[in-house]
Amino acid sequence: MVDLSVVIPVYNGAILLPRCLDAIVAQQTHYEMEVWLVDDGSTDDTVALYRERYLNAENPLWQSRLQFHLLQQQNAGPSKARNWGMTQAQGRYVALLDADDYWEPDYVEQTVSFLEQHADCVAVSVVCKNISVSGISYTPAKEVLPEGASPFVIDDFYAYWARYCHVGTCSTTMKTDEARQVLMREDLRISEDYEFWWMIANFGKWGMIPSPLYVSDGTMVIGCQQDWLDKMQRRWNNAPTLKDWERRIVCQNPALRETESFRMAEGRVARNLTYCQLLSGRTELARQEALTYGNYFVKDAIGKLMYLCKHTSLTWWFLCKVLLYREYHRFKK
């Protein structure tokens, strides 16, 4: 029986895909695994590389405890690719991994073992090490979860997420049956993973392993400032309103909106979406979102500035200029 299915959406990922897959091969675990690589219409050597290195059973990288599969679709975005992979998964548990990221050798052993030991948990996350053009950071931050602390079950998922945004796209292992019941919204092209996690959280408890076992690092494929800005502009342009973003969650469980912890979590998402709307030129929409949800914005520097500047069009316009300048001058490569 397969214990863990790993679903990897990929589009033109030949440069970093070997690092991602070799890290899966190198997992120090006794659990049986399979990989579902879902090619999203790549035009580079991604598929040829995968066939040569990982679908050939005679290749030394291939192991009996690790099976490789390939699915191919026309370019439709990562959500559709992930959904297809999750519907094909044979494992009791499933995890998502992007082709430009990777796991540390203990990831599979620790996350699957945790879920085996905590039947009431539907998912478990690890600390993410973020390597970006702005430097290195950790989510949650090291001072929140010092390395060496014991894994634990989170009491209130929404309250904890609101404070620490502890779930990364590729930092979580979950029960396959529940993931299939939810699947990702394919119409969302930003924060679709947040929406997915919130839906899954309604099926059971969530665990946390306070170790940086997941590394997010796609900086090798960012050649210059313009490459990075082009990538970010696409994200900013696709930011929906919070009402649209959360409609499925609220429909599933209307009572959530009456809880303080859900309101706090809404504030973190609203702050992120508002920031993207602002940077995409939808300044008045962004201001209306800030007026509606600003009381619950996360209290980081930008959240505080949005809260203070939302009251007049002039101060909001000035904030837009400041934040645009910030984005266009943060690239350090």
C-alpha atoms as a PDB file:
ATOM      1  CA  MET A   1       0.000   0.000   0.000  1.00  0.00           C
ATOM      2  CA  VAL A   2       1.207   3.510  -0.830  1.00  0.00           C
ATOM      3  CA  ASP A   3       1.525   5.682   2.254  1.00  0.00           C
ATOM      4  CA  LEU A   4       2.182   9.088   0.687  1.00  0.00           C
ATOM      5  CA  SER A   5       1.390  10.533  -2.739  1.00  0.00           C
ATOM      6  CA  VAL A   6       3.403  13.608  -3.752  1.00  0.00           C
ATOM      7  CA  VAL A   7       1.732  15.818  -6.373  1.00  0.00           C
ATOM      8  CA  ILE A   8       4.045  18.173  -8.295  1.00  0.00           C
ATOM      9  CA  PRO A   9       2.610  20.647 -10.826  1.00  0.00           C
ATOM     10  CA  VAL A  10       5.256  21.906 -13.234  1.00  0.00           C
ATOM     11  CA  TYR A  11       5.501  24.382 -16.072  1.00  0.00           C
ATOM     12  CA  ASN A  12       8.870  24.850 -17.778  1.00  0.00           C
ATOM     13  CA  GLY A  13      10.635  23.629 -14.659  1.00  0.00           C
ATOM     14  CA  ALA A  14      13.576  21.721 -16.129  1.00  0.00           C
ATOM     15  CA  ILE A  15      16.178  23.845 -14.316  1.00  0.00           C
ATOM     16  CA  LEU A  16      15.054  23.110 -10.746  1.00  0.00           C
ATOM     17  CA  LEU A  17      12.973  19.942 -11.127  1.00  0.00           C
ATOM     18  CA  PRO A  18      15.926  17.567 -10.523  1.00  0.00           C
ATOM     19  CA  ARG A  19      16.655  19.264  -7.191  1.00  0.00           C
ATOM     20  CA  CYS A  20      13.018  18.831  -6.151  1.00  0.00           C
ATOM     21  CA  LEU A  21      12.773  15.178  -7.194  1.00  0.00           C
ATOM     22  CA  ASP A  22      16.195  14.156  -5.907  1.00  0.00           C
ATOM     23  CA  ALA A  23      15.157  15.513  -2.507  1.00  0.00           C
ATOM     24  CA  ILE A  24      12.178  13.151  -2.591  1.00  0.00           C
ATOM     25  CA  VAL A  25      14.415  10.221  -3.528  1.00  0.00           C
ATOM     26  CA  ALA A  26      16.692  11.154  -0.619  1.00  0.00           C
ATOM     27  CA  GLN A  27      13.914  11.019   1.989  1.00  0.00           C
ATOM     28  CA  GLN A  28      15.000   9.022   5.022  1.00  0.00           C
ATOM     29  CA  THR A  29      11.802   7.092   5.608  1.00  0.00           C
ATOM     30  CA  HIS A  30      10.353   3.608   5.677  1.00  0.00           C
ATOM     31  CA  TYR A  31       7.064   4.769   4.166  1.00  0.00           C
ATOM     32  CA  GLU A  32       6.037   3.807   0.614  1.00  0.00           C
ATOM     33  CA  MET A  33       5.730   6.811  -1.704  1.00  0.00           C
ATOM     34  CA  GLU A  34       4.643   7.734  -5.191  1.00  0.00           C
ATOM     35  CA  VAL A  35       5.169  10.897  -7.256  1.00  0.00           C
ATOM     36  CA  TRP A  36       2.583  12.338  -9.633  1.00  0.00           C
ATOM     37  CA  LEU A  37       4.275  14.916 -11.839  1.00  0.00           C
ATOM     38  CA  VAL A  38       1.593  16.938 -13.626  1.00  0.00           C
ATOM     39  CA  ASP A  39       3.034  18.813 -16.590  1.00  0.00           C
ATOM     40  CA  ASP A  40       1.063  21.995 -17.260  1.00  0.00           C
ATOM     41  CA  GLY A  41       1.906  22.345 -20.948  1.00  0.00           C
ATOM     42  CA  SER A  42       5.671  22.872 -20.633  1.00  0.00           C
ATOM     43  CA  THR A  43       7.580  23.957 -23.743  1.00  0.00           C
ATOM     44  CA  ASP A  44      11.078  23.271 -22.386  1.00  0.00           C
ATOM     45  CA  ASP A  45      12.810  19.940 -21.621  1.00  0.00           C
ATOM     46  CA  THR A  46      10.789  19.211 -18.458  1.00  0.00           C
ATOM     47  CA  VAL A  47       9.000  16.099 -19.735  1.00  0.00           C
ATOM     48  CA  ALA A  48      12.032  14.649 -21.535  1.00  0.00           C
ATOM     49  CA  LEU A  49      14.186  15.098 -18.429  1.00  0.00           C
ATOM     50  CA  TYR A  50      11.564  13.467 -16.217  1.00  0.00           C
ATOM     51  CA  ARG A  51      11.161  10.476 -18.523  1.00  0.00           C
ATOM     52  CA  GLU A  52      14.912   9.951 -18.748  1.00  0.00           C
ATOM     53  CA  ARG A  53      15.785  10.296 -15.077  1.00  0.00           C
ATOM     54  CA  TYR A  54      12.722   9.165 -13.158  1.00  0.00           C
ATOM     55  CA  LEU A  55      10.416   6.982 -15.283  1.00  0.00           C
ATOM     56  CA  ASN A  56      13.208   4.569 -16.187  1.00  0.00           C
ATOM     57  CA  ALA A  57      13.165   1.756 -13.602  1.00  0.00           C
ATOM     58  CA  GLU A  58      16.776   0.871 -14.451  1.00  0.00           C
ATOM     59  CA  ASN A  59      17.992   4.302 -13.380  1.00  0.00           C
ATOM     60  CA  PRO A  60      19.764   4.187  -9.976  1.00  0.00           C
ATOM     61  CA  LEU A  61      17.529   7.006  -8.725  1.00  0.00           C
ATOM     62  CA  TRP A  62      14.479   4.733  -8.970  1.00  0.00           C
ATOM     63  CA  GLN A  63      13.631   2.698  -5.886  1.00  0.00           C
ATOM     64  CA  SER A  64      11.012   0.056  -5.160  1.00  0.00           C
ATOM     65  CA  ARG A  65       9.505   2.165  -2.377  1.00  0.00           C
ATOM     66  CA  LEU A  66       9.114   5.139  -4.725  1.00  0.00           C
ATOM     67  CA  GLN A  67       6.993   5.061  -7.882  1.00  0.00           C
ATOM     68  CA  PHE A  68       6.981   7.831 -10.497  1.00  0.00           C
ATOM     69  CA  HIS A  69       4.013   8.782 -12.688  1.00  0.00           C
ATOM     70  CA  LEU A  70       3.452  11.442 -15.361  1.00  0.00           C
ATOM     71  CA  LEU A  71       0.289  13.332 -16.272  1.00  0.00           C
ATOM     72  CA  GLN A  72       0.169  15.962 -19.028  1.00  0.00           C
ATOM     73  CA  GLN A  73      -2.371  18.714 -19.647  1.00  0.00           C
ATOM     74  CA  GLN A  74      -2.636  21.851 -21.738  1.00  0.00           C
ATOM     75  CA  ASN A  75      -1.568  24.930 -19.808  1.00  0.00           C
ATOM     76  CA  ALA A  76      -4.347  25.590 -17.294  1.00  0.00           C
ATOM     77  CA  GLY A  77      -2.578  26.672 -14.114  1.00  0.00           C
ATOM     78  CA  PRO A  78      -1.276  24.947 -10.977  1.00  0.00           C
ATOM     79  CA  SER A  79      -4.661  24.447  -9.291  1.00  0.00           C
ATOM     80  CA  LYS A  80      -6.007  22.292 -12.099  1.00  0.00           C
ATOM     81  CA  ALA A  81      -2.730  20.353 -12.189  1.00  0.00           C
ATOM     82  CA  ARG A  82      -2.776  19.754  -8.435  1.00  0.00           C
ATOM     83  CA  ASN A  83      -6.411  18.672  -8.533  1.00  0.00           C
ATOM     84  CA  TRP A  84      -5.733  16.138 -11.264  1.00  0.00           C
ATOM     85  CA  GLY A  85      -2.817  14.737  -9.308  1.00  0.00           C
ATOM     86  CA  MET A  86      -4.845  14.492  -6.109  1.00  0.00           C
ATOM     87  CA  THR A  87      -7.663  12.620  -7.859  1.00  0.00           C
ATOM     88  CA  GLN A  88      -5.133  10.067  -9.160  1.00  0.00           C
ATOM     89  CA  ALA A  89      -3.260   9.662  -5.870  1.00  0.00           C
ATOM     90  CA  GLN A  90      -3.187   6.153  -4.391  1.00  0.00           C
ATOM     91  CA  GLY A  91      -1.652   7.069  -1.038  1.00  0.00           C
ATOM     92  CA  ARG A  92      -3.436   7.292   2.289  1.00  0.00           C
ATOM     93  CA  TYR A  93      -1.888  10.738   2.607  1.00  0.00           C
ATOM     94  CA  VAL A  94      -1.056  13.360   0.008  1.00  0.00           C
ATOM     95  CA  ALA A  95       1.313  16.336  -0.119  1.00  0.00           C
ATOM     96  CA  LEU A  96       1.838  19.090  -2.681  1.00  0.00           C
ATOM     97  CA  LEU A  97       5.297  20.167  -3.772  1.00  0.00           C
ATOM     98  CA  ASP A  98       6.258  22.805  -6.339  1.00  0.00           C
ATOM     99  CA  ALA A  99       9.003  21.987  -8.815  1.00  0.00           C
ATOM    100  CA  ASP A 100      11.206  24.883  -7.675  1.00  0.00           C
ATOM    101  CA  ASP A 101      11.043  23.925  -3.986  1.00  0.00           C
ATOM    102  CA  TYR A 102      12.221  20.914  -1.973  1.00  0.00           C
ATOM    103  CA  TRP A 103      11.973  19.039   1.320  1.00  0.00           C
ATOM    104  CA  GLU A 104      14.641  18.228   3.858  1.00  0.00           C
ATOM    105  CA  PRO A 105      15.351  14.468   4.297  1.00  0.00           C
ATOM    106  CA  ASP A 106      13.096  14.043   7.372  1.00  0.00           C
ATOM    107  CA  TYR A 107       9.982  15.658   5.925  1.00  0.00           C
ATOM    108  CA  VAL A 108       8.082  12.524   4.917  1.00  0.00           C
ATOM    109  CA  GLU A 109       8.991  10.464   7.989  1.00  0.00           C
ATOM    110  CA  GLN A 110       8.005  13.207  10.417  1.00  0.00           C
ATOM    111  CA  THR A 111       4.757  14.332   8.786  1.00  0.00           C
ATOM    112  CA  VAL A 112       3.362  10.885   8.013  1.00  0.00           C
ATOM    113  CA  SER A 113       4.348   9.601  11.463  1.00  0.00           C
ATOM    114  CA  PHE A 114       2.570  12.550  13.069  1.00  0.00           C
ATOM    115  CA  LEU A 115      -0.671  11.823  11.221  1.00  0.00           C
ATOM    116  CA  GLU A 116      -0.377   8.136  12.070  1.00  0.00           C
ATOM    117  CA  GLN A 117      -0.143   9.062  15.742  1.00  0.00           C
ATOM    118  CA  HIS A 118      -2.922  11.697  15.699  1.00  0.00           C
ATOM    119  CA  ALA A 119      -6.038  10.219  14.139  1.00  0.00           C
ATOM    120  CA  ASP A 120      -8.046  13.373  14.892  1.00  0.00           C
ATOM    121  CA  CYS A 121      -5.766  15.470  12.670  1.00  0.00           C
ATOM    122  CA  VAL A 122      -6.614  15.992   9.020  1.00  0.00           C
ATOM    123  CA  ALA A 123      -3.286  17.653   8.189  1.00  0.00           C
ATOM    124  CA  VAL A 124       0.098  18.638   9.604  1.00  0.00           C
ATOM    125  CA  SER A 125       2.477  21.422   8.591  1.00  0.00           C
ATOM    126  CA  VAL A 126       6.183  22.120   9.085  1.00  0.00           C
ATOM    127  CA  VAL A 127       8.180  25.340   9.245  1.00  0.00           C
ATOM    128  CA  CYS A 128       9.007  26.841   5.848  1.00  0.00           C
ATOM    129  CA  LYS A 129      12.419  28.325   5.088  1.00  0.00           C
ATOM    130  CA  ASN A 130      11.799  31.104   2.553  1.00  0.00           C
ATOM    131  CA  ILE A 131      14.640  32.147   0.247  1.00  0.00           C
ATOM    132  CA  SER A 132      13.589  35.148  -1.827  1.00  0.00           C
ATOM    133  CA  VAL A 133      14.958  38.296  -3.466  1.00  0.00           C
ATOM    134  CA  SER A 134      14.485  39.987  -0.082  1.00  0.00           C
ATOM    135  CA  GLY A 135      16.626  37.468   1.834  1.00  0.00           C
ATOM    136  CA  ILE A 136      15.924  34.473   4.091  1.00  0.00           C
ATOM    137  CA  SER A 137      13.004  34.182   6.490  1.00  0.00           C
ATOM    138  CA  TYR A 138      11.028  31.470   8.269  1.00  0.00           C
ATOM    139  CA  THR A 139       7.275  30.835   8.511  1.00  0.00           C
ATOM    140  CA  PRO A 140       6.373  30.716  11.340  1.00  0.00           C
ATOM    141  CA  ALA A 141       9.295  32.810  12.571  1.00  0.00           C
ATOM    142  CA  LYS A 142      12.033  31.128  14.602  1.00  0.00           C
ATOM    143  CA  GLU A 143      11.161  33.078  17.728  1.00  0.00           C
ATOM    144  CA  VAL A 144       7.614  31.690  17.542  1.00  0.00           C
ATOM    145  CA  LEU A 145       8.649  28.058  17.093  1.00  0.00           C
ATOM    146  CA  PRO A 146      12.231  27.520  18.264  1.00  0.00           C
ATOM    147  CA  GLU A 147      13.873  24.524  16.613  1.00  0.00           C
ATOM    148  CA  GLY A 148      13.794  21.534  18.917  1.00  0.00           C
ATOM    149  CA  ALA A 149      10.315  22.222  20.267  1.00  0.00           C
ATOM    150  CA  SER A 150       7.923  19.272  20.219  1.00  0.00           C
ATOM    151  CA  PRO A 151       5.238  18.762  17.550  1.00  0.00           C
ATOM    152  CA  PHE A 152       1.735  19.667  18.729  1.00  0.00           C
ATOM    153  CA  VAL A 153      -1.927  19.812  17.738  1.00  0.00           C
ATOM    154  CA  ILE A 154      -3.296  23.320  17.163  1.00  0.00           C
ATOM    155  CA  ASP A 155      -6.328  24.182  19.292  1.00  0.00           C
ATOM    156  CA  ASP A 156      -7.922  26.787  16.981  1.00  0.00           C
ATOM    157  CA  PHE A 157      -6.746  26.599  13.366  1.00  0.00           C
ATOM    158  CA  TYR A 158      -8.089  30.007  12.312  1.00  0.00           C
ATOM    159  CA  ALA A 159      -6.696  31.877  15.313  1.00  0.00           C
ATOM    160  CA  TYR A 160      -3.285  30.268  14.893  1.00  0.00           C
ATOM    161  CA  TRP A 161      -3.253  30.868  11.144  1.00  0.00           C
ATOM    162  CA  ALA A 162      -4.260  34.504  11.673  1.00  0.00           C
ATOM    163  CA  ARG A 163      -1.239  35.051  13.910  1.00  0.00           C
ATOM    164  CA  TYR A 164       1.410  33.033  12.087  1.00  0.00           C
ATOM    165  CA  CYS A 165       0.172  32.079   8.575  1.00  0.00           C
ATOM    166  CA  HIS A 166       1.693  28.694   9.353  1.00  0.00           C
ATOM    167  CA  VAL A 167       0.579  26.691   6.297  1.00  0.00           C
ATOM    168  CA  GLY A 168       2.636  26.830   3.108  1.00  0.00           C
ATOM    169  CA  THR A 169       1.624  25.340  -0.243  1.00  0.00           C
ATOM    170  CA  CYS A 170       4.295  22.667   0.055  1.00  0.00           C
ATOM    171  CA  SER A 171       4.729  22.454   3.831  1.00  0.00           C
ATOM    172  CA  THR A 172       1.703  20.278   4.534  1.00  0.00           C
ATOM    173  CA  THR A 173       0.801  16.596   4.469  1.00  0.00           C
ATOM    174  CA  MET A 174      -2.906  15.759   4.624  1.00  0.00           C
ATOM    175  CA  LYS A 175      -5.377  12.901   4.487  1.00  0.00           C
ATOM    176  CA  THR A 176      -6.111  12.078   0.857  1.00  0.00           C
ATOM    177  CA  ASP A 177      -9.839  11.444   1.221  1.00  0.00           C
ATOM    178  CA  GLU A 178     -10.474  14.864   2.753  1.00  0.00           C
ATOM    179  CA  ALA A 179      -8.252  16.619   0.188  1.00  0.00           C
ATOM    180  CA  ARG A 180     -10.260  15.011  -2.613  1.00  0.00           C
ATOM    181  CA  GLN A 181     -13.524  16.197  -1.088  1.00  0.00           C
ATOM    182  CA  VAL A 182     -12.267  19.779  -1.234  1.00  0.00           C
ATOM    183  CA  LEU A 183      -9.824  20.196  -4.158  1.00  0.00           C
ATOM    184  CA  MET A 184      -8.537  23.643  -5.136  1.00  0.00           C
ATOM    185  CA  ARG A 185     -10.614  26.342  -6.780  1.00  0.00           C
ATOM    186  CA  GLU A 186      -9.340  26.495 -10.339  1.00  0.00           C
ATOM    187  CA  ASP A 187     -10.641  30.016 -10.917  1.00  0.00           C
ATOM    188  CA  LEU A 188      -8.258  31.447  -8.301  1.00  0.00           C
ATOM    189  CA  ARG A 189      -4.700  32.294  -9.379  1.00  0.00           C
ATOM    190  CA  ILE A 190      -3.576  33.828  -6.093  1.00  0.00           C
ATOM    191  CA  SER A 191      -4.059  32.623  -2.496  1.00  0.00           C
ATOM    192  CA  GLU A 192      -5.839  29.529  -3.844  1.00  0.00           C
ATOM    193  CA  ASP A 193      -3.805  27.461  -1.407  1.00  0.00           C
ATOM    194  CA  TYR A 194      -5.031  29.515   1.570  1.00  0.00           C
ATOM    195  CA  GLU A 195      -8.635  28.880   0.549  1.00  0.00           C
ATOM    196  CA  PHE A 196      -7.897  25.171   0.157  1.00  0.00           C
ATOM    197  CA  TRP A 197      -6.357  24.889   3.643  1.00  0.00           C
ATOM    198  CA  TRP A 198      -9.266  26.704   5.249  1.00  0.00           C
ATOM    199  CA  MET A 199     -11.696  24.269   3.644  1.00  0.00           C
ATOM    200  CA  ILE A 200      -9.722  21.233   4.822  1.00  0.00           C
ATOM    201  CA  ALA A 201      -9.512  22.637   8.363  1.00  0.00           C
ATOM    202  CA  ASN A 202     -13.253  22.064   8.691  1.00  0.00           C
ATOM    203  CA  PHE A 203     -12.688  18.277   8.563  1.00  0.00           C
ATOM    204  CA  GLY A 204     -10.512  17.931  11.669  1.00  0.00           C
ATOM    205  CA  LYS A 205      -7.595  19.177  13.750  1.00  0.00           C
ATOM    206  CA  TRP A 206      -4.320  20.517  12.357  1.00  0.00           C
ATOM    207  CA  GLY A 207      -0.839  19.578  13.554  1.00  0.00           C
ATOM    208  CA  MET A 208       2.395  21.574  13.608  1.00  0.00           C
ATOM    209  CA  ILE A 209       5.985  20.286  13.484  1.00  0.00           C
ATOM    210  CA  PRO A 210       8.333  23.126  14.545  1.00  0.00           C
ATOM    211  CA  SER A 211      11.227  22.233  12.230  1.00  0.00           C
ATOM    212  CA  PRO A 212      12.206  23.880   8.890  1.00  0.00           C
ATOM    213  CA  LEU A 213      11.706  20.787   6.739  1.00  0.00           C
ATOM    214  CA  TYR A 214      10.443  22.630   3.644  1.00  0.00           C
ATOM    215  CA  VAL A 215      12.535  25.081   1.595  1.00  0.00           C
ATOM    216  CA  SER A 216      10.911  27.544  -0.806  1.00  0.00           C
ATOM    217  CA  ASP A 217      13.553  28.789  -3.226  1.00  0.00           C
ATOM    218  CA  GLY A 218      12.934  29.701  -6.849  1.00  0.00           C
ATOM    219  CA  THR A 219      15.491  32.493  -7.010  1.00  0.00           C
ATOM    220  CA  MET A 220      17.702  30.576  -9.456  1.00  0.00           C
ATOM    221  CA  VAL A 221      15.173  31.085 -12.243  1.00  0.00           C
ATOM    222  CA  ILE A 222      14.786  34.818 -11.619  1.00  0.00           C
ATOM    223  CA  GLY A 223      17.358  36.384 -13.893  1.00  0.00           C
ATOM    224  CA  CYS A 224      16.753  40.084 -13.296  1.00  0.00           C
ATOM    225  CA  GLN A 225      14.497  42.598 -11.624  1.00  0.00           C
ATOM    226  CA  GLN A 226      12.116  42.690 -14.588  1.00  0.00           C
ATOM    227  CA  ASP A 227      11.630  38.899 -14.477  1.00  0.00           C
ATOM    228  CA  TRP A 228      10.628  39.169 -10.860  1.00  0.00           C
ATOM    229  CA  LEU A 229       8.337  42.164 -11.442  1.00  0.00           C
ATOM    230  CA  ASP A 230       6.612  40.424 -14.364  1.00  0.00           C
ATOM    231  CA  LYS A 231       5.923  37.416 -12.160  1.00  0.00           C
ATOM    232  CA  MET A 232       4.580  39.557  -9.343  1.00  0.00           C
ATOM    233  CA  GLN A 233       2.464  41.704 -11.676  1.00  0.00           C
ATOM    234  CA  ARG A 234       0.569  38.609 -12.792  1.00  0.00           C
ATOM    235  CA  ARG A 235      -0.163  37.789  -9.151  1.00  0.00           C
ATOM    236  CA  TRP A 236      -1.275  41.329  -8.339  1.00  0.00           C
ATOM    237  CA  ASN A 237      -3.592  41.477 -11.346  1.00  0.00           C
ATOM    238  CA  ASN A 238      -5.361  38.247 -10.329  1.00  0.00           C
ATOM    239  CA  ALA A 239      -6.221  39.233  -6.751  1.00  0.00           C
ATOM    240  CA  PRO A 240     -10.008  38.876  -6.141  1.00  0.00           C
ATOM    241  CA  THR A 241     -12.088  40.607  -3.501  1.00  0.00           C
ATOM    242  CA  LEU A 242     -12.231  38.897  -0.121  1.00  0.00           C
ATOM    243  CA  LYS A 243     -15.961  38.217  -0.567  1.00  0.00           C
ATOM    244  CA  ASP A 244     -15.277  36.302  -3.768  1.00  0.00           C
ATOM    245  CA  TRP A 245     -12.245  34.542  -2.319  1.00  0.00           C
ATOM    246  CA  GLU A 246     -14.093  33.172   0.737  1.00  0.00           C
ATOM    247  CA  ARG A 247     -17.496  32.379  -0.791  1.00  0.00           C
ATOM    248  CA  ARG A 248     -16.992  28.590  -0.768  1.00  0.00           C
ATOM    249  CA  ILE A 249     -15.748  28.580   2.835  1.00  0.00           C
ATOM    250  CA  VAL A 250     -18.661  30.646   4.120  1.00  0.00           C
ATOM    251  CA  CYS A 251     -21.144  28.559   2.140  1.00  0.00           C
ATOM    252  CA  GLN A 252     -19.788  25.364   3.711  1.00  0.00           C
ATOM    253  CA  ASN A 253     -19.883  26.719   7.255  1.00  0.00           C
ATOM    254  CA  PRO A 254     -21.785  30.043   7.647  1.00  0.00           C
ATOM    255  CA  ALA A 255     -21.280  30.020  11.423  1.00  0.00           C
ATOM    256  CA  LEU A 256     -17.568  30.665  10.967  1.00  0.00           C
ATOM    257  CA  ARG A 257     -18.175  34.335  10.237  1.00  0.00           C
ATOM    258  CA  GLU A 258     -19.527  34.782  13.757  1.00  0.00           C
ATOM    259  CA  THR A 259     -16.256  33.735  15.392  1.00  0.00           C
ATOM    260  CA  GLU A 260     -13.504  36.149  16.336  1.00  0.00           C
ATOM    261  CA  SER A 261     -10.741  33.788  15.174  1.00  0.00           C
ATOM    262  CA  PHE A 262     -12.232  33.585  11.673  1.00  0.00           C
ATOM    263  CA  ARG A 263     -12.489  37.380  11.522  1.00  0.00           C
ATOM    264  CA  MET A 264      -8.830  37.622  12.467  1.00  0.00           C
ATOM    265  CA  ALA A 265      -7.904  35.159   9.729  1.00  0.00           C
ATOM    266  CA  GLU A 266     -10.051  37.099   7.243  1.00  0.00           C
ATOM    267  CA  GLY A 267      -8.051  40.195   8.124  1.00  0.00           C
ATOM    268  CA  ARG A 268      -4.760  38.576   7.138  1.00  0.00           C
ATOM    269  CA  VAL A 269      -6.118  37.434   3.764  1.00  0.00           C
ATOM    270  CA  ALA A 270      -7.853  40.772   3.153  1.00  0.00           C
ATOM    271  CA  ARG A 271      -4.641  42.649   3.861  1.00  0.00           C
ATOM    272  CA  ASN A 272      -2.766  40.491   1.308  1.00  0.00           C
ATOM    273  CA  LEU A 273      -5.444  40.784  -1.381  1.00  0.00           C
ATOM    274  CA  THR A 274      -5.796  44.529  -0.793  1.00  0.00           C
ATOM    275  CA  TYR A 275      -2.053  44.959  -1.203  1.00  0.00           C
ATOM    276  CA  CYS A 276      -2.182  43.150  -4.559  1.00  0.00           C
ATOM    277  CA  GLN A 277      -5.222  45.114  -5.745  1.00  0.00           C
ATOM    278  CA  LEU A 278      -3.450  48.331  -4.851  1.00  0.00           C
ATOM    279  CA  LEU A 279      -0.294  47.374  -6.768  1.00  0.00           C
ATOM    280  CA  SER A 280      -2.320  46.323  -9.820  1.00  0.00           C
ATOM    281  CA  GLY A 281      -3.781  49.826 -10.144  1.00  0.00           C
ATOM    282  CA  ARG A 282      -7.216  49.035  -8.664  1.00  0.00           C
ATOM    283  CA  THR A 283      -6.727  51.693  -6.011  1.00  0.00           C
ATOM    284  CA  GLU A 284     -10.360  52.491  -5.228  1.00  0.00           C
ATOM    285  CA  LEU A 285     -11.322  48.819  -4.947  1.00  0.00           C
ATOM    286  CA  ALA A 286      -8.357  48.314  -2.631  1.00  0.00           C
ATOM    287  CA  ARG A 287      -9.460  51.250  -0.483  1.00  0.00           C
ATOM    288  CA  GLN A 288     -13.002  49.896  -0.194  1.00  0.00           C
ATOM    289  CA  GLU A 289     -11.605  46.540   0.929  1.00  0.00           C
ATOM    290  CA  ALA A 290      -9.476  48.340   3.515  1.00  0.00           C
ATOM    291  CA  LEU A 291     -12.485  50.270   4.781  1.00  0.00           C
ATOM    292  CA  THR A 292     -14.508  47.056   5.089  1.00  0.00           C
ATOM    293  CA  TYR A 293     -11.906  44.730   6.616  1.00  0.00           C
ATOM    294  CA  GLY A 294      -9.162  47.053   7.889  1.00  0.00           C
ATOM    295  CA  ASN A 295     -10.054  46.615  11.558  1.00  0.00           C
ATOM    296  CA  TYR A 296      -8.847  43.014  11.284  1.00  0.00           C
ATOM    297  CA  PHE A 297      -5.764  43.575   9.108  1.00  0.00           C
ATOM    298  CA  VAL A 298      -2.668  41.860  10.430  1.00  0.00           C
ATOM    299  CA  LYS A 299      -0.710  44.439  12.399  1.00  0.00           C
ATOM    300  CA  ASP A 300       2.514  44.423  10.401  1.00  0.00           C
ATOM    301  CA  ALA A 301       3.960  47.698   9.085  1.00  0.00           C
ATOM    302  CA  ILE A 302       1.983  47.632   5.839  1.00  0.00           C
ATOM    303  CA  GLY A 303      -1.234  46.567   7.532  1.00  0.00           C
ATOM    304  CA  LYS A 304      -0.914  49.501   9.934  1.00  0.00           C
ATOM    305  CA  LEU A 305      -0.224  51.940   7.079  1.00  0.00           C
ATOM    306  CA  MET A 306      -3.262  50.695   5.166  1.00  0.00           C
ATOM    307  CA  TYR A 307      -5.409  51.087   8.247  1.00  0.00           C
ATOM    308  CA  LEU A 308      -4.212  54.673   8.807  1.00  0.00           C
ATOM    309  CA  CYS A 309      -4.365  55.784   5.153  1.00  0.00           C
ATOM    310  CA  LYS A 310      -7.720  54.259   4.165  1.00  0.00           C
ATOM    311  CA  HIS A 311      -9.878  57.145   5.420  1.00  0.00           C
ATOM    312  CA  THR A 312      -9.216  59.616   2.578  1.00  0.00           C
ATOM    313  CA  SER A 313      -8.504  59.219  -1.129  1.00  0.00           C
ATOM    314  CA  LEU A 314      -5.464  61.504  -0.847  1.00  0.00           C
ATOM    315  CA  THR A 315      -3.693  59.525   1.866  1.00  0.00           C
ATOM    316  CA  TRP A 316      -4.555  56.280   0.066  1.00  0.00           C
ATOM    317  CA  TRP A 317      -3.097  57.637  -3.211  1.00  0.00           C
ATOM    318  CA  PHE A 318       0.094  58.568  -1.374  1.00  0.00           C
ATOM    319  CA  LEU A 319       0.323  55.092   0.161  1.00  0.00           C
ATOM    320  CA  CYS A 320      -0.031  53.550  -3.298  1.00  0.00           C
ATOM    321  CA  LYS A 321       2.973  55.519  -4.526  1.00  0.00           C
ATOM    322  CA  VAL A 322       5.069  54.523  -1.510  1.00  0.00           C
ATOM    323  CA  LEU A 323       4.278  50.813  -1.859  1.00  0.00           C
ATOM    324  CA  LEU A 324       4.922  50.822  -5.613  1.00  0.00           C
ATOM    325  CA  TYR A 325       8.313  52.388  -4.962  1.00  0.00           C
ATOM    326  CA  ARG A 326       9.000  49.713  -2.349  1.00  0.00           C
ATOM    327  CA  GLU A 327       8.236  46.872  -4.742  1.00  0.00           C
ATOM    328  CA  TYR A 328      10.328  48.293  -7.548  1.00  0.00           C
ATOM    329  CA  HIS A 329      13.374  48.686  -5.281  1.00  0.00           C
ATOM    330  CA  ARG A 330      13.393  45.476  -3.216  1.00  0.00           C
ATOM    331  CA  PHE A 331      15.082  43.192  -5.769  1.00  0.00           C
ATOM    332  CA  LYS A 332      18.545  42.261  -4.458  1.00  0.00           C
ATOM    333  CA  LYS A 333      19.837  39.733  -6.969  1.00  0.00           C
END
